[in-house]
Amino acid sequence: MISIIIPTYNRSQVENRIEEKQKRISLVIPTYNRKEVLMRNIRSLEEVKGDIEIVIVDDYSKDGTKQEIEKYMKNTDMKIKFIRNNENKGVAESVNIGIEKASYDFVFIMADDTFITKPKGTIRI
């Protein structure tokens, strides 16, 4: 069974919820032709400590997203699943594909332009 945490812009509530559960979390990130923004997002996730997997669903980008992510995956210890749609399916279908491929207890859906910042201490999951 997969539970879904709906993203909120109140960072404190998200961190408290994660700390309460201490569960494994899948971050589903749909993207389309935004490799620079997506890479900034992924780099912001490097500070997150805990058992997370990142599920990136590329909606048939034509800007080199696939190559950029594959290159990054070779040089990181982060758990990243990369799925590329064989045609443009739209954000809703891409999110559904990401949820299907997620393997952890909770799923958090993130936009590719959502960045994790570190105001105090280390972000822990």
Protein backbone atom coordinates (compact mmCIF):
# COMPACT_ATOMS: atom_id res chain seq x y z
CA MET A 1 0.00 0.00 0.00
CA ILE A 2 1.29 3.45 -0.90
CA SER A 3 0.37 6.50 1.17
CA ILE A 4 0.65 9.92 -0.42
CA ILE A 5 1.79 13.07 1.36
CA ILE A 6 0.36 16.05 -0.48
CA PRO A 7 3.01 18.78 -0.71
CA THR A 8 2.49 21.94 1.25
CA TYR A 9 4.39 25.18 1.23
CA ASN A 10 4.58 25.21 5.05
CA ARG A 11 8.03 23.69 5.45
CA SER A 12 7.68 23.27 9.20
CA GLN A 13 4.59 21.08 8.84
CA VAL A 14 6.28 18.90 6.22
CA GLU A 15 9.41 18.43 8.36
CA ASN A 16 7.33 17.65 11.47
CA ARG A 17 5.27 15.09 9.58
CA ILE A 18 8.39 13.42 8.23
CA GLU A 19 10.07 13.40 11.66
CA GLU A 20 6.96 11.85 13.25
CA LYS A 21 6.89 8.96 10.83
CA GLN A 22 10.59 8.35 10.14
CA LYS A 23 9.54 6.35 7.10
CA ARG A 24 11.07 5.80 3.74
CA ILE A 25 9.86 8.41 1.30
CA SER A 26 9.68 8.44 -2.49
CA LEU A 27 9.87 11.90 -4.07
CA VAL A 28 8.13 11.88 -7.46
CA ILE A 29 9.28 14.68 -9.74
CA PRO A 30 7.63 15.02 -13.16
CA THR A 31 9.53 17.18 -15.63
CA TYR A 32 9.41 18.39 -19.22
CA ASN A 33 12.16 20.39 -20.98
CA ARG A 34 13.50 21.94 -17.77
CA LYS A 35 16.84 20.22 -17.21
CA GLU A 36 18.56 23.22 -15.57
CA VAL A 37 15.74 23.73 -13.09
CA LEU A 38 15.46 19.99 -12.45
CA MET A 39 19.21 19.68 -11.78
CA ARG A 40 19.04 22.58 -9.30
CA ASN A 41 16.16 20.78 -7.57
CA ILE A 42 18.07 17.50 -7.35
CA ARG A 43 21.19 19.22 -6.03
CA SER A 44 19.04 20.83 -3.32
CA LEU A 45 17.99 17.33 -2.27
CA GLU A 46 21.61 16.34 -1.58
CA GLU A 47 21.24 17.88 1.88
CA VAL A 48 18.34 15.64 2.84
CA LYS A 49 19.48 12.93 5.24
CA GLY A 50 17.33 9.84 5.46
CA ASP A 51 15.99 7.02 3.40
CA ILE A 52 14.59 8.67 0.29
CA GLU A 53 14.36 7.71 -3.32
CA ILE A 54 13.89 10.23 -6.09
CA VAL A 55 11.63 9.12 -8.94
CA ILE A 56 12.08 11.42 -11.92
CA VAL A 57 9.54 11.07 -14.73
CA ASP A 58 10.72 12.79 -17.90
CA ASP A 59 7.72 13.54 -20.09
CA TYR A 60 9.64 13.07 -23.37
CA SER A 61 11.87 16.15 -23.01
CA LYS A 62 13.93 17.24 -25.98
CA ASP A 63 16.44 19.44 -24.12
CA GLY A 64 18.93 16.77 -23.02
CA THR A 65 17.26 16.02 -19.67
CA LYS A 66 17.83 12.27 -20.06
CA GLN A 67 21.55 12.65 -20.73
CA GLU A 68 22.01 15.14 -17.88
CA ILE A 69 20.25 12.90 -15.34
CA GLU A 70 22.10 9.78 -16.47
CA LYS A 71 25.42 11.61 -16.11
CA TYR A 72 24.45 12.82 -12.64
CA MET A 73 23.31 9.34 -11.55
CA LYS A 74 26.79 7.94 -12.31
CA ASN A 75 28.37 10.40 -9.85
CA THR A 76 26.03 10.28 -6.86
CA ASP A 77 25.05 7.94 -4.05
CA MET A 78 21.48 9.23 -4.08
CA LYS A 79 18.77 6.68 -4.89
CA ILE A 80 17.36 7.91 -8.18
CA LYS A 81 14.96 6.15 -10.53
CA PHE A 82 14.71 7.74 -13.94
CA ILE A 83 11.72 7.02 -16.15
CA ARG A 84 11.35 8.54 -19.61
CA ASN A 85 7.96 8.49 -21.27
CA ASN A 86 8.00 7.31 -24.90
CA GLU A 87 5.75 10.24 -25.80
CA ASN A 88 4.51 13.40 -24.10
CA LYS A 89 1.74 12.27 -21.72
CA GLY A 90 1.24 15.37 -19.59
CA VAL A 91 1.95 16.07 -15.96
CA ALA A 92 -0.97 14.09 -14.47
CA GLU A 93 -0.04 10.87 -16.27
CA SER A 94 3.64 11.41 -15.45
CA VAL A 95 2.78 11.75 -11.76
CA ASN A 96 0.72 8.54 -11.93
CA ILE A 97 3.63 6.72 -13.59
CA GLY A 98 5.96 7.98 -10.86
CA ILE A 99 3.62 6.81 -8.12
CA GLU A 100 3.43 3.37 -9.74
CA LYS A 101 7.24 3.13 -9.86
CA ALA A 102 7.74 4.43 -6.29
CA SER A 103 8.84 1.71 -3.92
CA TYR A 104 8.77 3.42 -0.52
CA ASP A 105 6.11 3.80 2.18
CA PHE A 106 5.18 7.40 1.45
CA VAL A 107 5.07 9.34 -1.81
CA PHE A 108 5.68 13.07 -1.95
CA ILE A 109 4.93 14.75 -5.27
CA MET A 110 7.30 17.63 -6.05
CA ALA A 111 7.33 20.06 -8.92
CA ASP A 112 10.64 20.20 -10.75
CA ASP A 113 11.06 23.81 -9.62
CA THR A 114 10.57 23.14 -5.89
CA PHE A 115 13.81 23.52 -3.96
CA ILE A 116 14.72 22.30 -0.49
CA THR A 117 16.47 24.93 1.57
CA LYS A 118 18.22 24.49 4.87
CA PRO A 119 17.27 27.24 7.33
CA LYS A 120 18.53 25.48 10.49
CA GLY A 121 20.30 22.19 11.10
CA THR A 122 20.17 19.24 8.78
CA ILE A 123 17.05 18.17 7.01
CA ARG A 124 16.32 14.63 8.17
CA ILE A 125 13.81 12.09 7.02
